[in-house]
Amino acid sequence: VAQYNKKVEQAIRQLNTASPVIAIFGEGRNSSEASCVLLGKDDYLGIGFLSKKDKATTLKQLMTKLDPHHLNEFVRSLILQHAEEYPEDAVVFN
């Protein structure tokens, strides 16, 4: 039982690593705001604009300020690819 539990715990850790929570920040509609795309666990996708003065810094804050949208594998891959190519735009949450 202990060996099985260790395997399950390892699988859970790998799934969490394979599905990172990432926020991509970019330019907003004007100089006082930033755009944000949030890729979360359980296929959560949030999109919106944040005031640069009131920029959310925690995952919980971001999720309350962004509008949820439908996520599919194509959009997920675009977000992950952008985060890999432009790491300065990305914030990874644990």
PDB file of N, CA and C in Angstrom:
ATOM      1  N   VAL A   1       0.826  -1.185   0.000  1.00  0.00           N
ATOM      2  CA  VAL A   1       0.000   0.000   0.000  1.00  0.00           C
ATOM      3  C   VAL A   1       0.876   1.257   0.000  1.00  0.00           C
ATOM      4  N   ALA A   2       1.924   1.261   0.790  1.00  0.00           N
ATOM      5  CA  ALA A   2       2.804   2.427   0.877  1.00  0.00           C
ATOM      6  C   ALA A   2       3.478   2.700  -0.469  1.00  0.00           C
ATOM      7  N   GLN A   3       3.904   1.636  -1.141  1.00  0.00           N
ATOM      8  CA  GLN A   3       4.544   1.795  -2.449  1.00  0.00           C
ATOM      9  C   GLN A   3       3.543   2.344  -3.475  1.00  0.00           C
ATOM     10  N   TYR A   4       2.338   1.861  -3.442  1.00  0.00           N
ATOM     11  CA  TYR A   4       1.291   2.358  -4.347  1.00  0.00           C
ATOM     12  C   TYR A   4       1.013   3.842  -4.086  1.00  0.00           C
ATOM     13  N   ASN A   5       0.903   4.202  -2.816  1.00  0.00           N
ATOM     14  CA  ASN A   5       0.647   5.600  -2.459  1.00  0.00           C
ATOM     15  C   ASN A   5       1.773   6.509  -2.948  1.00  0.00           C
ATOM     16  N   LYS A   6       3.015   6.050  -2.869  1.00  0.00           N
ATOM     17  CA  LYS A   6       4.140   6.845  -3.374  1.00  0.00           C
ATOM     18  C   LYS A   6       4.015   7.056  -4.882  1.00  0.00           C
ATOM     19  N   LYS A   7       3.603   6.015  -5.606  1.00  0.00           N
ATOM     20  CA  LYS A   7       3.420   6.143  -7.055  1.00  0.00           C
ATOM     21  C   LYS A   7       2.311   7.131  -7.384  1.00  0.00           C
ATOM     22  N   VAL A   8       1.230   7.093  -6.632  1.00  0.00           N
ATOM     23  CA  VAL A   8       0.124   8.023  -6.850  1.00  0.00           C
ATOM     24  C   VAL A   8       0.569   9.452  -6.566  1.00  0.00           C
ATOM     25  N   GLU A   9       1.288   9.662  -5.482  1.00  0.00           N
ATOM     26  CA  GLU A   9       1.789  10.996  -5.145  1.00  0.00           C
ATOM     27  C   GLU A   9       2.732  11.516  -6.227  1.00  0.00           C
ATOM     28  N   GLN A  10       3.581  10.646  -6.756  1.00  0.00           N
ATOM     29  CA  GLN A  10       4.496  11.040  -7.829  1.00  0.00           C
ATOM     30  C   GLN A  10       3.712  11.411  -9.090  1.00  0.00           C
ATOM     31  N   ALA A  11       2.693  10.657  -9.420  1.00  0.00           N
ATOM     32  CA  ALA A  11       1.867  10.955 -10.594  1.00  0.00           C
ATOM     33  C   ALA A  11       1.162  12.299 -10.429  1.00  0.00           C
ATOM     34  N   ILE A  12       0.669  12.585  -9.242  1.00  0.00           N
ATOM     35  CA  ILE A  12       0.001  13.868  -8.980  1.00  0.00           C
ATOM     36  C   ILE A  12       0.994  15.012  -9.140  1.00  0.00           C
ATOM     37  N   ARG A  13       2.201  14.854  -8.611  1.00  0.00           N
ATOM     38  CA  ARG A  13       3.220  15.901  -8.767  1.00  0.00           C
ATOM     39  C   ARG A  13       3.549  16.138 -10.236  1.00  0.00           C
ATOM     40  N   GLN A  14       3.654  15.068 -11.017  1.00  0.00           N
ATOM     41  CA  GLN A  14       3.951  15.208 -12.443  1.00  0.00           C
ATOM     42  C   GLN A  14       2.820  15.907 -13.173  1.00  0.00           C
ATOM     43  N   LEU A  15       1.584  15.590 -12.840  1.00  0.00           N
ATOM     44  CA  LEU A  15       0.442  16.266 -13.470  1.00  0.00           C
ATOM     45  C   LEU A  15       0.429  17.746 -13.138  1.00  0.00           C
ATOM     46  N   ASN A  16       0.729  18.081 -11.894  1.00  0.00           N
ATOM     47  CA  ASN A  16       0.765  19.487 -11.507  1.00  0.00           C
ATOM     48  C   ASN A  16       1.880  20.229 -12.222  1.00  0.00           C
ATOM     49  N   THR A  17       3.003  19.578 -12.435  1.00  0.00           N
ATOM     50  CA  THR A  17       4.112  20.191 -13.158  1.00  0.00           C
ATOM     51  C   THR A  17       3.775  20.327 -14.634  1.00  0.00           C
ATOM     52  N   ALA A  18       3.111  19.343 -15.194  1.00  0.00           N
ATOM     53  CA  ALA A  18       2.769  19.365 -16.616  1.00  0.00           C
ATOM     54  C   ALA A  18       1.677  20.374 -16.925  1.00  0.00           C
ATOM     55  N   SER A  19       0.909  20.777 -15.933  1.00  0.00           N
ATOM     56  CA  SER A  19      -0.177  21.736 -16.121  1.00  0.00           C
ATOM     57  C   SER A  19       0.080  22.970 -15.266  1.00  0.00           C
ATOM     58  N   PRO A  20       1.042  23.785 -15.669  1.00  0.00           N
ATOM     59  CA  PRO A  20       1.348  24.947 -14.838  1.00  0.00           C
ATOM     60  C   PRO A  20       0.248  26.000 -14.904  1.00  0.00           C
ATOM     61  N   VAL A  21       0.200  26.816 -13.889  1.00  0.00           N
ATOM     62  CA  VAL A  21      -0.693  27.966 -13.874  1.00  0.00           C
ATOM     63  C   VAL A  21       0.158  29.156 -14.307  1.00  0.00           C
ATOM     64  N   ILE A  22      -0.201  29.751 -15.438  1.00  0.00           N
ATOM     65  CA  ILE A  22       0.611  30.808 -16.036  1.00  0.00           C
ATOM     66  C   ILE A  22      -0.253  32.013 -16.356  1.00  0.00           C
ATOM     67  N   ALA A  23       0.254  33.180 -16.012  1.00  0.00           N
ATOM     68  CA  ALA A  23      -0.367  34.439 -16.420  1.00  0.00           C
ATOM     69  C   ALA A  23       0.580  35.111 -17.413  1.00  0.00           C
ATOM     70  N   ILE A  24       0.042  35.506 -18.554  1.00  0.00           N
ATOM     71  CA  ILE A  24       0.807  36.228 -19.564  1.00  0.00           C
ATOM     72  C   ILE A  24       0.318  37.675 -19.551  1.00  0.00           C
ATOM     73  N   PHE A  25       1.237  38.601 -19.334  1.00  0.00           N
ATOM     74  CA  PHE A  25       0.894  40.018 -19.315  1.00  0.00           C
ATOM     75  C   PHE A  25       1.410  40.693 -20.578  1.00  0.00           C
ATOM     76  N   GLY A  26       0.626  41.622 -21.092  1.00  0.00           N
ATOM     77  CA  GLY A  26       1.015  42.365 -22.282  1.00  0.00           C
ATOM     78  C   GLY A  26       0.494  43.781 -22.210  1.00  0.00           C
ATOM     79  N   GLU A  27       0.547  44.445 -23.325  1.00  0.00           N
ATOM     80  CA  GLU A  27       0.078  45.832 -23.394  1.00  0.00           C
ATOM     81  C   GLU A  27      -1.445  45.872 -23.326  1.00  0.00           C
ATOM     82  N   GLY A  28      -1.952  46.922 -22.725  1.00  0.00           N
ATOM     83  CA  GLY A  28      -3.387  47.116 -22.628  1.00  0.00           C
ATOM     84  C   GLY A  28      -3.909  47.973 -23.768  1.00  0.00           C
ATOM     85  N   ARG A  29      -5.143  48.405 -23.606  1.00  0.00           N
ATOM     86  CA  ARG A  29      -5.770  49.246 -24.625  1.00  0.00           C
ATOM     87  C   ARG A  29      -5.273  50.683 -24.557  1.00  0.00           C
ATOM     88  N   ASN A  30      -4.670  51.033 -23.417  1.00  0.00           N
ATOM     89  CA  ASN A  30      -4.057  52.347 -23.257  1.00  0.00           C
ATOM     90  C   ASN A  30      -2.866  52.201 -22.320  1.00  0.00           C
ATOM     91  N   SER A  31      -2.160  53.288 -22.074  1.00  0.00           N
ATOM     92  CA  SER A  31      -0.920  53.212 -21.295  1.00  0.00           C
ATOM     93  C   SER A  31      -1.134  52.945 -19.805  1.00  0.00           C
ATOM     94  N   SER A  32      -2.370  53.055 -19.322  1.00  0.00           N
ATOM     95  CA  SER A  32      -2.620  52.853 -17.896  1.00  0.00           C
ATOM     96  C   SER A  32      -3.104  51.443 -17.556  1.00  0.00           C
ATOM     97  N   GLU A  33      -3.144  50.552 -18.543  1.00  0.00           N
ATOM     98  CA  GLU A  33      -3.590  49.194 -18.251  1.00  0.00           C
ATOM     99  C   GLU A  33      -2.702  48.156 -18.927  1.00  0.00           C
ATOM    100  N   ALA A  34      -2.838  46.934 -18.458  1.00  0.00           N
ATOM    101  CA  ALA A  34      -2.127  45.788 -19.020  1.00  0.00           C
ATOM    102  C   ALA A  34      -3.150  44.721 -19.385  1.00  0.00           C
ATOM    103  N   SER A  35      -2.842  43.957 -20.417  1.00  0.00           N
ATOM    104  CA  SER A  35      -3.691  42.816 -20.760  1.00  0.00           C
ATOM    105  C   SER A  35      -3.183  41.594 -20.004  1.00  0.00           C
ATOM    106  N   CYS A  36      -4.068  40.631 -19.793  1.00  0.00           N
ATOM    107  CA  CYS A  36      -3.666  39.414 -19.091  1.00  0.00           C
ATOM    108  C   CYS A  36      -4.458  38.224 -19.621  1.00  0.00           C
ATOM    109  N   VAL A  37      -3.743  37.138 -19.840  1.00  0.00           N
ATOM    110  CA  VAL A  37      -4.349  35.853 -20.172  1.00  0.00           C
ATOM    111  C   VAL A  37      -3.867  34.887 -19.102  1.00  0.00           C
ATOM    112  N   LEU A  38      -4.791  34.239 -18.423  1.00  0.00           N
ATOM    113  CA  LEU A  38      -4.461  33.329 -17.334  1.00  0.00           C
ATOM    114  C   LEU A  38      -4.852  31.910 -17.712  1.00  0.00           C
ATOM    115  N   LEU A  39      -3.878  31.033 -17.722  1.00  0.00           N
ATOM    116  CA  LEU A  39      -4.098  29.611 -17.962  1.00  0.00           C
ATOM    117  C   LEU A  39      -3.993  28.924 -16.620  1.00  0.00           C
ATOM    118  N   GLY A  40      -5.119  28.399 -16.127  1.00  0.00           N
ATOM    119  CA  GLY A  40      -5.131  27.784 -14.814  1.00  0.00           C
ATOM    120  C   GLY A  40      -5.349  26.289 -14.868  1.00  0.00           C
ATOM    121  N   LYS A  41      -5.366  25.713 -13.708  1.00  0.00           N
ATOM    122  CA  LYS A  41      -5.628  24.277 -13.603  1.00  0.00           C
ATOM    123  C   LYS A  41      -7.088  23.991 -13.925  1.00  0.00           C
ATOM    124  N   ASP A  42      -7.377  22.762 -14.221  1.00  0.00           N
ATOM    125  CA  ASP A  42      -8.743  22.327 -14.523  1.00  0.00           C
ATOM    126  C   ASP A  42      -9.334  23.086 -15.705  1.00  0.00           C
ATOM    127  N   ASP A  43      -8.497  23.385 -16.692  1.00  0.00           N
ATOM    128  CA  ASP A  43      -8.930  24.033 -17.929  1.00  0.00           C
ATOM    129  C   ASP A  43      -9.564  25.395 -17.714  1.00  0.00           C
ATOM    130  N   TYR A  44      -9.051  26.151 -16.762  1.00  0.00           N
ATOM    131  CA  TYR A  44      -9.535  27.516 -16.545  1.00  0.00           C
ATOM    132  C   TYR A  44      -8.765  28.470 -17.451  1.00  0.00           C
ATOM    133  N   LEU A  45      -9.483  29.344 -18.117  1.00  0.00           N
ATOM    134  CA  LEU A  45      -8.876  30.392 -18.929  1.00  0.00           C
ATOM    135  C   LEU A  45      -9.546  31.703 -18.563  1.00  0.00           C
ATOM    136  N   GLY A  46      -8.747  32.667 -18.157  1.00  0.00           N
ATOM    137  CA  GLY A  46      -9.264  33.991 -17.847  1.00  0.00           C
ATOM    138  C   GLY A  46      -8.578  35.016 -18.731  1.00  0.00           C
ATOM    139  N   ILE A  47      -9.345  35.964 -19.240  1.00  0.00           N
ATOM    140  CA  ILE A  47      -8.815  36.989 -20.127  1.00  0.00           C
ATOM    141  C   ILE A  47      -9.375  38.339 -19.687  1.00  0.00           C
ATOM    142  N   GLY A  48      -8.526  39.362 -19.734  1.00  0.00           N
ATOM    143  CA  GLY A  48      -9.028  40.679 -19.401  1.00  0.00           C
ATOM    144  C   GLY A  48      -7.943  41.729 -19.343  1.00  0.00           C
ATOM    145  N   PHE A  49      -8.315  42.874 -18.841  1.00  0.00           N
ATOM    146  CA  PHE A  49      -7.412  44.005 -18.709  1.00  0.00           C
ATOM    147  C   PHE A  49      -7.363  44.413 -17.245  1.00  0.00           C
ATOM    148  N   LEU A  50      -6.176  44.807 -16.800  1.00  0.00           N
ATOM    149  CA  LEU A  50      -5.966  45.224 -15.424  1.00  0.00           C
ATOM    150  C   LEU A  50      -5.351  46.613 -15.410  1.00  0.00           C
ATOM    151  N   SER A  51      -5.765  47.418 -14.469  1.00  0.00           N
ATOM    152  CA  SER A  51      -5.141  48.714 -14.272  1.00  0.00           C
ATOM    153  C   SER A  51      -3.704  48.487 -13.799  1.00  0.00           C
ATOM    154  N   LYS A  52      -2.760  49.222 -14.364  1.00  0.00           N
ATOM    155  CA  LYS A  52      -1.370  49.069 -13.928  1.00  0.00           C
ATOM    156  C   LYS A  52      -1.192  49.494 -12.479  1.00  0.00           C
ATOM    157  N   LYS A  53      -2.028  50.423 -12.000  1.00  0.00           N
ATOM    158  CA  LYS A  53      -1.967  50.849 -10.598  1.00  0.00           C
ATOM    159  C   LYS A  53      -2.433  49.736  -9.672  1.00  0.00           C
ATOM    160  N   ASP A  54      -3.449  49.014 -10.103  1.00  0.00           N
ATOM    161  CA  ASP A  54      -4.093  48.003  -9.277  1.00  0.00           C
ATOM    162  C   ASP A  54      -3.804  46.611  -9.817  1.00  0.00           C
ATOM    163  N   LYS A  55      -2.594  46.393 -10.286  1.00  0.00           N
ATOM    164  CA  LYS A  55      -2.243  45.119 -10.904  1.00  0.00           C
ATOM    165  C   LYS A  55      -2.307  43.992  -9.866  1.00  0.00           C
ATOM    166  N   ALA A  56      -3.109  43.000 -10.139  1.00  0.00           N
ATOM    167  CA  ALA A  56      -3.259  41.864  -9.232  1.00  0.00           C
ATOM    168  C   ALA A  56      -1.954  41.080  -9.195  1.00  0.00           C
ATOM    169  N   THR A  57      -1.575  40.653  -8.021  1.00  0.00           N
ATOM    170  CA  THR A  57      -0.306  39.952  -7.887  1.00  0.00           C
ATOM    171  C   THR A  57      -0.453  38.501  -7.449  1.00  0.00           C
ATOM    172  N   THR A  58      -1.622  38.119  -6.965  1.00  0.00           N
ATOM    173  CA  THR A  58      -1.824  36.725  -6.565  1.00  0.00           C
ATOM    174  C   THR A  58      -2.791  36.055  -7.535  1.00  0.00           C
ATOM    175  N   LEU A  59      -2.730  34.753  -7.566  1.00  0.00           N
ATOM    176  CA  LEU A  59      -3.609  33.992  -8.441  1.00  0.00           C
ATOM    177  C   LEU A  59      -5.073  34.260  -8.101  1.00  0.00           C
ATOM    178  N   LYS A  60      -5.387  34.313  -6.830  1.00  0.00           N
ATOM    179  CA  LYS A  60      -6.769  34.558  -6.406  1.00  0.00           C
ATOM    180  C   LYS A  60      -7.260  35.925  -6.894  1.00  0.00           C
ATOM    181  N   GLN A  61      -6.403  36.946  -6.785  1.00  0.00           N
ATOM    182  CA  GLN A  61      -6.772  38.276  -7.263  1.00  0.00           C
ATOM    183  C   GLN A  61      -7.000  38.276  -8.767  1.00  0.00           C
ATOM    184  N   LEU A  62      -6.116  37.609  -9.500  1.00  0.00           N
ATOM    185  CA  LEU A  62      -6.271  37.559 -10.956  1.00  0.00           C
ATOM    186  C   LEU A  62      -7.582  36.899 -11.356  1.00  0.00           C
ATOM    187  N   MET A  63      -7.900  35.797 -10.712  1.00  0.00           N
ATOM    188  CA  MET A  63      -9.112  35.069 -11.083  1.00  0.00           C
ATOM    189  C   MET A  63     -10.374  35.894 -10.842  1.00  0.00           C
ATOM    190  N   THR A  64     -10.334  36.821  -9.892  1.00  0.00           N
ATOM    191  CA  THR A  64     -11.508  37.652  -9.640  1.00  0.00           C
ATOM    192  C   THR A  64     -11.603  38.815 -10.616  1.00  0.00           C
ATOM    193  N   LYS A  65     -10.492  39.197 -11.235  1.00  0.00           N
ATOM    194  CA  LYS A  65     -10.483  40.357 -12.118  1.00  0.00           C
ATOM    195  C   LYS A  65     -10.598  40.010 -13.602  1.00  0.00           C
ATOM    196  N   LEU A  66     -10.468  38.733 -13.946  1.00  0.00           N
ATOM    197  CA  LEU A  66     -10.503  38.315 -15.348  1.00  0.00           C
ATOM    198  C   LEU A  66     -11.814  37.610 -15.677  1.00  0.00           C
ATOM    199  N   ASP A  67     -12.205  37.702 -16.932  1.00  0.00           N
ATOM    200  CA  ASP A  67     -13.420  37.028 -17.393  1.00  0.00           C
ATOM    201  C   ASP A  67     -13.088  35.602 -17.821  1.00  0.00           C
ATOM    202  N   PRO A  68     -13.825  34.615 -17.316  1.00  0.00           N
ATOM    203  CA  PRO A  68     -13.572  33.230 -17.724  1.00  0.00           C
ATOM    204  C   PRO A  68     -13.997  32.997 -19.173  1.00  0.00           C
ATOM    205  N   HIS A  69     -13.234  32.167 -19.866  1.00  0.00           N
ATOM    206  CA  HIS A  69     -13.520  31.813 -21.254  1.00  0.00           C
ATOM    207  C   HIS A  69     -13.295  30.327 -21.462  1.00  0.00           C
ATOM    208  N   HIS A  70     -13.818  29.822 -22.564  1.00  0.00           N
ATOM    209  CA  HIS A  70     -13.648  28.412 -22.910  1.00  0.00           C
ATOM    210  C   HIS A  70     -12.211  28.165 -23.352  1.00  0.00           C
ATOM    211  N   LEU A  71     -11.641  27.096 -22.881  1.00  0.00           N
ATOM    212  CA  LEU A  71     -10.269  26.728 -23.229  1.00  0.00           C
ATOM    213  C   LEU A  71     -10.281  25.451 -24.049  1.00  0.00           C
ATOM    214  N   ASN A  72      -9.478  25.434 -25.089  1.00  0.00           N
ATOM    215  CA  ASN A  72      -9.289  24.200 -25.843  1.00  0.00           C
ATOM    216  C   ASN A  72      -7.793  23.956 -26.007  1.00  0.00           C
ATOM    217  N   GLU A  73      -7.428  22.828 -26.555  1.00  0.00           N
ATOM    218  CA  GLU A  73      -6.022  22.447 -26.650  1.00  0.00           C
ATOM    219  C   GLU A  73      -5.224  23.397 -27.534  1.00  0.00           C
ATOM    220  N   PHE A  74      -5.836  23.939 -28.577  1.00  0.00           N
ATOM    221  CA  PHE A  74      -5.148  24.874 -29.461  1.00  0.00           C
ATOM    222  C   PHE A  74      -4.773  26.145 -28.695  1.00  0.00           C
ATOM    223  N   VAL A  75      -5.720  26.704 -27.956  1.00  0.00           N
ATOM    224  CA  VAL A  75      -5.460  27.923 -27.179  1.00  0.00           C
ATOM    225  C   VAL A  75      -4.420  27.635 -26.103  1.00  0.00           C
ATOM    226  N   ARG A  76      -4.545  26.496 -25.421  1.00  0.00           N
ATOM    227  CA  ARG A  76      -3.567  26.114 -24.397  1.00  0.00           C
ATOM    228  C   ARG A  76      -2.158  26.069 -24.985  1.00  0.00           C
ATOM    229  N   SER A  77      -2.014  25.451 -26.144  1.00  0.00           N
ATOM    230  CA  SER A  77      -0.680  25.344 -26.745  1.00  0.00           C
ATOM    231  C   SER A  77      -0.134  26.706 -27.150  1.00  0.00           C
ATOM    232  N   LEU A  78      -0.996  27.615 -27.614  1.00  0.00           N
ATOM    233  CA  LEU A  78      -0.543  28.972 -27.954  1.00  0.00           C
ATOM    234  C   LEU A  78      -0.024  29.703 -26.719  1.00  0.00           C
ATOM    235  N   ILE A  79      -0.749  29.584 -25.621  1.00  0.00           N
ATOM    236  CA  ILE A  79      -0.342  30.255 -24.385  1.00  0.00           C
ATOM    237  C   ILE A  79       0.989  29.692 -23.891  1.00  0.00           C
ATOM    238  N   LEU A  80       1.112  28.373 -23.859  1.00  0.00           N
ATOM    239  CA  LEU A  80       2.347  27.753 -23.394  1.00  0.00           C
ATOM    240  C   LEU A  80       3.520  28.092 -24.312  1.00  0.00           C
ATOM    241  N   GLN A  81       3.282  28.126 -25.609  1.00  0.00           N
ATOM    242  CA  GLN A  81       4.339  28.478 -26.556  1.00  0.00           C
ATOM    243  C   GLN A  81       4.790  29.922 -26.342  1.00  0.00           C
ATOM    244  N   HIS A  82       3.838  30.832 -26.151  1.00  0.00           N
ATOM    245  CA  HIS A  82       4.190  32.231 -25.908  1.00  0.00           C
ATOM    246  C   HIS A  82       5.005  32.363 -24.621  1.00  0.00           C
ATOM    247  N   ALA A  83       4.583  31.662 -23.570  1.00  0.00           N
ATOM    248  CA  ALA A  83       5.299  31.716 -22.294  1.00  0.00           C
ATOM    249  C   ALA A  83       6.725  31.196 -22.437  1.00  0.00           C
ATOM    250  N   GLU A  84       6.918  30.194 -23.273  1.00  0.00           N
ATOM    251  CA  GLU A  84       8.252  29.638 -23.491  1.00  0.00           C
ATOM    252  C   GLU A  84       9.126  30.593 -24.305  1.00  0.00           C
ATOM    253  N   GLU A  85       8.539  31.211 -25.323  1.00  0.00           N
ATOM    254  CA  GLU A  85       9.305  32.112 -26.190  1.00  0.00           C
ATOM    255  C   GLU A  85       9.561  33.473 -25.545  1.00  0.00           C
ATOM    256  N   TYR A  86       8.647  33.932 -24.698  1.00  0.00           N
ATOM    257  CA  TYR A  86       8.755  35.251 -24.065  1.00  0.00           C
ATOM    258  C   TYR A  86       8.585  35.122 -22.548  1.00  0.00           C
ATOM    259  N   PRO A  87       9.542  34.519 -21.870  1.00  0.00           N
ATOM    260  CA  PRO A  87       9.401  34.302 -20.421  1.00  0.00           C
ATOM    261  C   PRO A  87       9.264  35.594 -19.615  1.00  0.00           C
ATOM    262  N   GLU A  88       9.724  36.708 -20.183  1.00  0.00           N
ATOM    263  CA  GLU A  88       9.596  37.980 -19.469  1.00  0.00           C
ATOM    264  C   GLU A  88       8.138  38.438 -19.363  1.00  0.00           C
ATOM    265  N   ASP A  89       7.263  37.910 -20.204  1.00  0.00           N
ATOM    266  CA  ASP A  89       5.833  38.249 -20.167  1.00  0.00           C
ATOM    267  C   ASP A  89       5.044  37.347 -19.218  1.00  0.00           C
ATOM    268  N   ALA A  90       5.660  36.266 -18.749  1.00  0.00           N
ATOM    269  CA  ALA A  90       4.926  35.233 -18.019  1.00  0.00           C
ATOM    270  C   ALA A  90       5.228  35.246 -16.528  1.00  0.00           C
ATOM    271  N   VAL A  91       4.191  34.943 -15.759  1.00  0.00           N
ATOM    272  CA  VAL A  91       4.333  34.706 -14.322  1.00  0.00           C
ATOM    273  C   VAL A  91       3.772  33.311 -14.079  1.00  0.00           C
ATOM    274  N   VAL A  92       4.584  32.439 -13.485  1.00  0.00           N
ATOM    275  CA  VAL A  92       4.158  31.070 -13.197  1.00  0.00           C
ATOM    276  C   VAL A  92       3.795  30.974 -11.726  1.00  0.00           C
ATOM    277  N   PHE A  93       2.601  30.470 -11.447  1.00  0.00           N
ATOM    278  CA  PHE A  93       2.134  30.281 -10.079  1.00  0.00           C
ATOM    279  C   PHE A  93       2.270  28.811  -9.711  1.00  0.00           C
ATOM    280  N   ASN A  94       2.572  28.552  -8.450  1.00  0.00           N
ATOM    281  CA  ASN A  94       2.683  27.159  -7.977  1.00  0.00           C
ATOM    282  C   ASN A  94       1.370  26.686  -7.423  1.00  0.00           C
TER     283      ASN A  94
END
